[in-house]
Amino acid sequence: MTEDPQTMVQDRVMTTTNDRSGYFLLTPPKSGWSPGIYRCGLFAGEQTSAYSYVDEVRFRVMDSNRD
């Protein structure tokens, strides 16, 4: 992660109030994922703001050539 994160993709999903789990799929950029740590913010509602922020998922992409 950097000091100035960039939004790479944005999508919406409709869920019911009974949903307590789920999954998502991130399509890689055309140039592929650069090695690093990424953060995926999860928001509830129509607006993306501090008030609709629910949680985040972090994941790491490692260099496949790493020994």
PDB file of N, CA and C in Angstrom:
ATOM      1  N   MET A   1       0.843  -1.180   0.000  1.00  0.00           N
ATOM      2  CA  MET A   1       0.000   0.000   0.000  1.00  0.00           C
ATOM      3  C   MET A   1       0.881   1.232   0.000  1.00  0.00           C
ATOM      4  N   THR A   2       0.378   2.265  -0.571  1.00  0.00           N
ATOM      5  CA  THR A   2       1.113   3.508  -0.609  1.00  0.00           C
ATOM      6  C   THR A   2       0.340   4.579   0.144  1.00  0.00           C
ATOM      7  N   GLU A   3       0.964   5.718   0.312  1.00  0.00           N
ATOM      8  CA  GLU A   3       0.304   6.834   0.990  1.00  0.00           C
ATOM      9  C   GLU A   3      -0.876   7.360   0.173  1.00  0.00           C
ATOM     10  N   ASP A   4      -0.824   7.198  -1.149  1.00  0.00           N
ATOM     11  CA  ASP A   4      -1.860   7.710  -2.033  1.00  0.00           C
ATOM     12  C   ASP A   4      -2.513   6.542  -2.779  1.00  0.00           C
ATOM     13  N   PRO A   5      -3.437   5.809  -2.123  1.00  0.00           N
ATOM     14  CA  PRO A   5      -4.026   4.638  -2.773  1.00  0.00           C
ATOM     15  C   PRO A   5      -4.877   5.038  -3.973  1.00  0.00           C
ATOM     16  N   GLN A   6      -4.892   4.176  -4.961  1.00  0.00           N
ATOM     17  CA  GLN A   6      -5.681   4.399  -6.167  1.00  0.00           C
ATOM     18  C   GLN A   6      -6.842   3.422  -6.198  1.00  0.00           C
ATOM     19  N   THR A   7      -7.995   3.898  -6.632  1.00  0.00           N
ATOM     20  CA  THR A   7      -9.128   3.010  -6.841  1.00  0.00           C
ATOM     21  C   THR A   7      -8.931   2.308  -8.170  1.00  0.00           C
ATOM     22  N   MET A   8      -8.894   0.979  -8.135  1.00  0.00           N
ATOM     23  CA  MET A   8      -8.664   0.215  -9.353  1.00  0.00           C
ATOM     24  C   MET A   8      -9.972  -0.257  -9.970  1.00  0.00           C
ATOM     25  N   VAL A   9     -10.897  -0.723  -9.144  1.00  0.00           N
ATOM     26  CA  VAL A   9     -12.188  -1.192  -9.635  1.00  0.00           C
ATOM     27  C   VAL A   9     -13.260  -0.841  -8.614  1.00  0.00           C
ATOM     28  N   GLN A  10     -14.480  -0.771  -9.087  1.00  0.00           N
ATOM     29  CA  GLN A  10     -15.606  -0.534  -8.198  1.00  0.00           C
ATOM     30  C   GLN A  10     -16.773  -1.334  -8.726  1.00  0.00           C
ATOM     31  N   ASP A  11     -17.535  -1.960  -7.832  1.00  0.00           N
ATOM     32  CA  ASP A  11     -18.674  -2.762  -8.229  1.00  0.00           C
ATOM     33  C   ASP A  11     -19.735  -2.666  -7.156  1.00  0.00           C
ATOM     34  N   ARG A  12     -20.926  -3.134  -7.457  1.00  0.00           N
ATOM     35  CA  ARG A  12     -22.025  -3.127  -6.496  1.00  0.00           C
ATOM     36  C   ARG A  12     -22.630  -4.512  -6.425  1.00  0.00           C
ATOM     37  N   VAL A  13     -23.201  -4.816  -5.267  1.00  0.00           N
ATOM     38  CA  VAL A  13     -23.882  -6.093  -5.093  1.00  0.00           C
ATOM     39  C   VAL A  13     -25.084  -5.870  -4.186  1.00  0.00           C
ATOM     40  N   MET A  14     -26.169  -6.549  -4.468  1.00  0.00           N
ATOM     41  CA  MET A  14     -27.371  -6.462  -3.636  1.00  0.00           C
ATOM     42  C   MET A  14     -27.413  -7.692  -2.740  1.00  0.00           C
ATOM     43  N   THR A  15     -27.634  -7.483  -1.455  1.00  0.00           N
ATOM     44  CA  THR A  15     -27.742  -8.598  -0.520  1.00  0.00           C
ATOM     45  C   THR A  15     -28.990  -8.405   0.335  1.00  0.00           C
ATOM     46  N   THR A  16     -29.414  -9.463   1.003  1.00  0.00           N
ATOM     47  CA  THR A  16     -30.537  -9.361   1.931  1.00  0.00           C
ATOM     48  C   THR A  16     -29.991  -9.130   3.330  1.00  0.00           C
ATOM     49  N   THR A  17     -30.853  -8.728   4.234  1.00  0.00           N
ATOM     50  CA  THR A  17     -30.404  -8.465   5.601  1.00  0.00           C
ATOM     51  C   THR A  17     -30.000  -9.743   6.330  1.00  0.00           C
ATOM     52  N   ASN A  18     -30.376 -10.914   5.793  1.00  0.00           N
ATOM     53  CA  ASN A  18     -30.005 -12.180   6.426  1.00  0.00           C
ATOM     54  C   ASN A  18     -28.619 -12.658   6.018  1.00  0.00           C
ATOM     55  N   ASP A  19     -28.030 -12.027   4.985  1.00  0.00           N
ATOM     56  CA  ASP A  19     -26.702 -12.442   4.535  1.00  0.00           C
ATOM     57  C   ASP A  19     -25.657 -12.057   5.569  1.00  0.00           C
ATOM     58  N   ARG A  20     -24.867 -13.037   5.984  1.00  0.00           N
ATOM     59  CA  ARG A  20     -23.804 -12.766   6.949  1.00  0.00           C
ATOM     60  C   ARG A  20     -22.443 -13.156   6.406  1.00  0.00           C
ATOM     61  N   SER A  21     -22.416 -13.665   5.185  1.00  0.00           N
ATOM     62  CA  SER A  21     -21.151 -14.026   4.566  1.00  0.00           C
ATOM     63  C   SER A  21     -21.305 -13.924   3.056  1.00  0.00           C
ATOM     64  N   GLY A  22     -20.197 -13.990   2.380  1.00  0.00           N
ATOM     65  CA  GLY A  22     -20.248 -13.904   0.935  1.00  0.00           C
ATOM     66  C   GLY A  22     -18.846 -13.974   0.363  1.00  0.00           C
ATOM     67  N   TYR A  23     -18.724 -13.644  -0.894  1.00  0.00           N
ATOM     68  CA  TYR A  23     -17.424 -13.658  -1.544  1.00  0.00           C
ATOM     69  C   TYR A  23     -17.422 -12.602  -2.631  1.00  0.00           C
ATOM     70  N   PHE A  24     -16.261 -12.270  -3.097  1.00  0.00           N
ATOM     71  CA  PHE A  24     -16.138 -11.368  -4.227  1.00  0.00           C
ATOM     72  C   PHE A  24     -14.953 -11.808  -5.054  1.00  0.00           C
ATOM     73  N   LEU A  25     -14.928 -11.374  -6.293  1.00  0.00           N
ATOM     74  CA  LEU A  25     -13.879 -11.728  -7.226  1.00  0.00           C
ATOM     75  C   LEU A  25     -13.353 -10.447  -7.846  1.00  0.00           C
ATOM     76  N   LEU A  26     -12.074 -10.246  -7.779  1.00  0.00           N
ATOM     77  CA  LEU A  26     -11.455  -9.077  -8.387  1.00  0.00           C
ATOM     78  C   LEU A  26     -10.797  -9.493  -9.688  1.00  0.00           C
ATOM     79  N   THR A  27     -11.222  -8.900 -10.771  1.00  0.00           N
ATOM     80  CA  THR A  27     -10.608  -9.163 -12.062  1.00  0.00           C
ATOM     81  C   THR A  27      -9.279  -8.432 -12.123  1.00  0.00           C
ATOM     82  N   PRO A  28      -8.192  -9.125 -12.454  1.00  0.00           N
ATOM     83  CA  PRO A  28      -6.884  -8.457 -12.476  1.00  0.00           C
ATOM     84  C   PRO A  28      -6.822  -7.380 -13.550  1.00  0.00           C
ATOM     85  N   PRO A  29      -6.047  -6.333 -13.318  1.00  0.00           N
ATOM     86  CA  PRO A  29      -5.844  -5.326 -14.358  1.00  0.00           C
ATOM     87  C   PRO A  29      -5.225  -5.976 -15.597  1.00  0.00           C
ATOM     88  N   LYS A  30      -5.372  -5.345 -16.753  1.00  0.00           N
ATOM     89  CA  LYS A  30      -4.833  -5.907 -17.996  1.00  0.00           C
ATOM     90  C   LYS A  30      -3.332  -6.137 -17.913  1.00  0.00           C
ATOM     91  N   SER A  31      -2.640  -5.287 -17.165  1.00  0.00           N
ATOM     92  CA  SER A  31      -1.184  -5.437 -17.018  1.00  0.00           C
ATOM     93  C   SER A  31      -0.812  -6.439 -15.926  1.00  0.00           C
ATOM     94  N   GLY A  32      -1.817  -7.007 -15.245  1.00  0.00           N
ATOM     95  CA  GLY A  32      -1.569  -7.951 -14.155  1.00  0.00           C
ATOM     96  C   GLY A  32      -1.400  -7.223 -12.834  1.00  0.00           C
ATOM     97  N   TRP A  33      -1.436  -7.985 -11.747  1.00  0.00           N
ATOM     98  CA  TRP A  33      -1.261  -7.409 -10.416  1.00  0.00           C
ATOM     99  C   TRP A  33       0.229  -7.202 -10.160  1.00  0.00           C
ATOM    100  N   SER A  34       0.593  -6.019  -9.775  1.00  0.00           N
ATOM    101  CA  SER A  34       1.971  -5.757  -9.352  1.00  0.00           C
ATOM    102  C   SER A  34       2.147  -6.296  -7.945  1.00  0.00           C
ATOM    103  N   PRO A  35       3.321  -6.855  -7.615  1.00  0.00           N
ATOM    104  CA  PRO A  35       3.538  -7.335  -6.256  1.00  0.00           C
ATOM    105  C   PRO A  35       3.315  -6.210  -5.251  1.00  0.00           C
ATOM    106  N   GLY A  36       2.706  -6.556  -4.144  1.00  0.00           N
ATOM    107  CA  GLY A  36       2.454  -5.571  -3.094  1.00  0.00           C
ATOM    108  C   GLY A  36       1.277  -5.971  -2.240  1.00  0.00           C
ATOM    109  N   ILE A  37       0.921  -5.103  -1.309  1.00  0.00           N
ATOM    110  CA  ILE A  37      -0.215  -5.322  -0.423  1.00  0.00           C
ATOM    111  C   ILE A  37      -1.356  -4.447  -0.923  1.00  0.00           C
ATOM    112  N   TYR A  38      -2.534  -5.037  -1.064  1.00  0.00           N
ATOM    113  CA  TYR A  38      -3.708  -4.337  -1.556  1.00  0.00           C
ATOM    114  C   TYR A  38      -4.785  -4.315  -0.483  1.00  0.00           C
ATOM    115  N   ARG A  39      -5.636  -3.316  -0.542  1.00  0.00           N
ATOM    116  CA  ARG A  39      -6.756  -3.188   0.395  1.00  0.00           C
ATOM    117  C   ARG A  39      -8.037  -3.029  -0.404  1.00  0.00           C
ATOM    118  N   CYS A  40      -9.047  -3.812  -0.040  1.00  0.00           N
ATOM    119  CA  CYS A  40     -10.351  -3.738  -0.682  1.00  0.00           C
ATOM    120  C   CYS A  40     -11.347  -3.247   0.363  1.00  0.00           C
ATOM    121  N   GLY A  41     -11.837  -2.019   0.197  1.00  0.00           N
ATOM    122  CA  GLY A  41     -12.807  -1.458   1.137  1.00  0.00           C
ATOM    123  C   GLY A  41     -14.206  -1.956   0.826  1.00  0.00           C
ATOM    124  N   LEU A  42     -14.954  -2.296   1.875  1.00  0.00           N
ATOM    125  CA  LEU A  42     -16.325  -2.773   1.728  1.00  0.00           C
ATOM    126  C   LEU A  42     -17.274  -1.728   2.314  1.00  0.00           C
ATOM    127  N   PHE A  43     -18.256  -1.315   1.543  1.00  0.00           N
ATOM    128  CA  PHE A  43     -19.184  -0.264   1.938  1.00  0.00           C
ATOM    129  C   PHE A  43     -20.611  -0.759   1.799  1.00  0.00           C
ATOM    130  N   ALA A  44     -21.514  -0.234   2.621  1.00  0.00           N
ATOM    131  CA  ALA A  44     -22.931  -0.584   2.562  1.00  0.00           C
ATOM    132  C   ALA A  44     -23.705   0.635   2.080  1.00  0.00           C
ATOM    133  N   GLY A  45     -24.662   0.416   1.190  1.00  0.00           N
ATOM    134  CA  GLY A  45     -25.485   1.521   0.715  1.00  0.00           C
ATOM    135  C   GLY A  45     -25.054   2.019  -0.647  1.00  0.00           C
ATOM    136  N   GLU A  46     -25.648   3.119  -1.053  1.00  0.00           N
ATOM    137  CA  GLU A  46     -25.416   3.677  -2.385  1.00  0.00           C
ATOM    138  C   GLU A  46     -24.184   4.565  -2.463  1.00  0.00           C
ATOM    139  N   GLN A  47     -23.762   5.142  -1.359  1.00  0.00           N
ATOM    140  CA  GLN A  47     -22.656   6.089  -1.350  1.00  0.00           C
ATOM    141  C   GLN A  47     -21.413   5.471  -0.726  1.00  0.00           C
ATOM    142  N   THR A  48     -20.253   5.829  -1.246  1.00  0.00           N
ATOM    143  CA  THR A  48     -18.981   5.402  -0.679  1.00  0.00           C
ATOM    144  C   THR A  48     -18.455   6.549   0.179  1.00  0.00           C
ATOM    145  N   SER A  49     -18.538   6.375   1.492  1.00  0.00           N
ATOM    146  CA  SER A  49     -18.093   7.421   2.409  1.00  0.00           C
ATOM    147  C   SER A  49     -17.683   6.792   3.728  1.00  0.00           C
ATOM    148  N   ALA A  50     -17.184   7.613   4.620  1.00  0.00           N
ATOM    149  CA  ALA A  50     -16.800   7.129   5.949  1.00  0.00           C
ATOM    150  C   ALA A  50     -18.014   6.587   6.710  1.00  0.00           C
ATOM    151  N   TYR A  51     -19.195   7.087   6.395  1.00  0.00           N
ATOM    152  CA  TYR A  51     -20.417   6.652   7.085  1.00  0.00           C
ATOM    153  C   TYR A  51     -20.913   5.304   6.591  1.00  0.00           C
ATOM    154  N   SER A  52     -20.599   4.944   5.354  1.00  0.00           N
ATOM    155  CA  SER A  52     -21.071   3.668   4.804  1.00  0.00           C
ATOM    156  C   SER A  52     -19.991   2.586   4.823  1.00  0.00           C
ATOM    157  N   TYR A  53     -18.821   2.924   5.342  1.00  0.00           N
ATOM    158  CA  TYR A  53     -17.708   1.969   5.425  1.00  0.00           C
ATOM    159  C   TYR A  53     -18.059   0.851   6.398  1.00  0.00           C
ATOM    160  N   VAL A  54     -17.893  -0.404   5.972  1.00  0.00           N
ATOM    161  CA  VAL A  54     -18.236  -1.554   6.804  1.00  0.00           C
ATOM    162  C   VAL A  54     -16.986  -2.301   7.258  1.00  0.00           C
ATOM    163  N   ASP A  55     -16.119  -2.630   6.316  1.00  0.00           N
ATOM    164  CA  ASP A  55     -14.941  -3.432   6.638  1.00  0.00           C
ATOM    165  C   ASP A  55     -13.969  -3.344   5.473  1.00  0.00           C
ATOM    166  N   GLU A  56     -12.857  -4.032   5.606  1.00  0.00           N
ATOM    167  CA  GLU A  56     -11.898  -4.095   4.520  1.00  0.00           C
ATOM    168  C   GLU A  56     -11.261  -5.468   4.470  1.00  0.00           C
ATOM    169  N   VAL A  57     -10.788  -5.810   3.294  1.00  0.00           N
ATOM    170  CA  VAL A  57     -10.068  -7.062   3.079  1.00  0.00           C
ATOM    171  C   VAL A  57      -8.710  -6.678   2.507  1.00  0.00           C
ATOM    172  N   ARG A  58      -7.661  -7.232   3.067  1.00  0.00           N
ATOM    173  CA  ARG A  58      -6.317  -6.981   2.558  1.00  0.00           C
ATOM    174  C   ARG A  58      -5.756  -8.271   1.990  1.00  0.00           C
ATOM    175  N   PHE A  59      -4.990  -8.131   0.922  1.00  0.00           N
ATOM    176  CA  PHE A  59      -4.340  -9.308   0.353  1.00  0.00           C
ATOM    177  C   PHE A  59      -3.000  -8.903  -0.228  1.00  0.00           C
ATOM    178  N   ARG A  60      -2.129  -9.883  -0.338  1.00  0.00           N
ATOM    179  CA  ARG A  60      -0.772  -9.643  -0.824  1.00  0.00           C
ATOM    180  C   ARG A  60      -0.563 -10.389  -2.135  1.00  0.00           C
ATOM    181  N   VAL A  61       0.045  -9.722  -3.084  1.00  0.00           N
ATOM    182  CA  VAL A  61       0.463 -10.339  -4.344  1.00  0.00           C
ATOM    183  C   VAL A  61       1.972 -10.439  -4.304  1.00  0.00           C
ATOM    184  N   MET A  62       2.469 -11.664  -4.471  1.00  0.00           N
ATOM    185  CA  MET A  62       3.922 -11.894  -4.410  1.00  0.00           C
ATOM    186  C   MET A  62       4.465 -12.131  -5.801  1.00  0.00           C
ATOM    187  N   ASP A  63       5.704 -11.789  -6.000  1.00  0.00           N
ATOM    188  CA  ASP A  63       6.380 -12.001  -7.261  1.00  0.00           C
ATOM    189  C   ASP A  63       6.524 -13.502  -7.493  1.00  0.00           C
ATOM    190  N   SER A  64       6.049 -13.991  -8.612  1.00  0.00           N
ATOM    191  CA  SER A  64       6.098 -15.439  -8.894  1.00  0.00           C
ATOM    192  C   SER A  64       7.518 -15.921  -9.152  1.00  0.00           C
ATOM    193  N   ASN A  65       8.436 -15.021  -9.449  1.00  0.00           N
ATOM    194  CA  ASN A  65       9.830 -15.387  -9.696  1.00  0.00           C
ATOM    195  C   ASN A  65      10.673 -15.388  -8.431  1.00  0.00           C
ATOM    196  N   ARG A  66      10.036 -15.103  -7.313  1.00  0.00           N
ATOM    197  CA  ARG A  66      10.762 -15.033  -6.041  1.00  0.00           C
ATOM    198  C   ARG A  66      11.264 -16.413  -5.629  1.00  0.00           C
ATOM    199  N   ASP A  67      12.525 -16.470  -5.259  1.00  0.00           N
ATOM    200  CA  ASP A  67      13.114 -17.758  -4.823  1.00  0.00           C
ATOM    201  C   ASP A  67      13.005 -17.931  -3.337  1.00  0.00           C
TER     202      ASP A  67
END
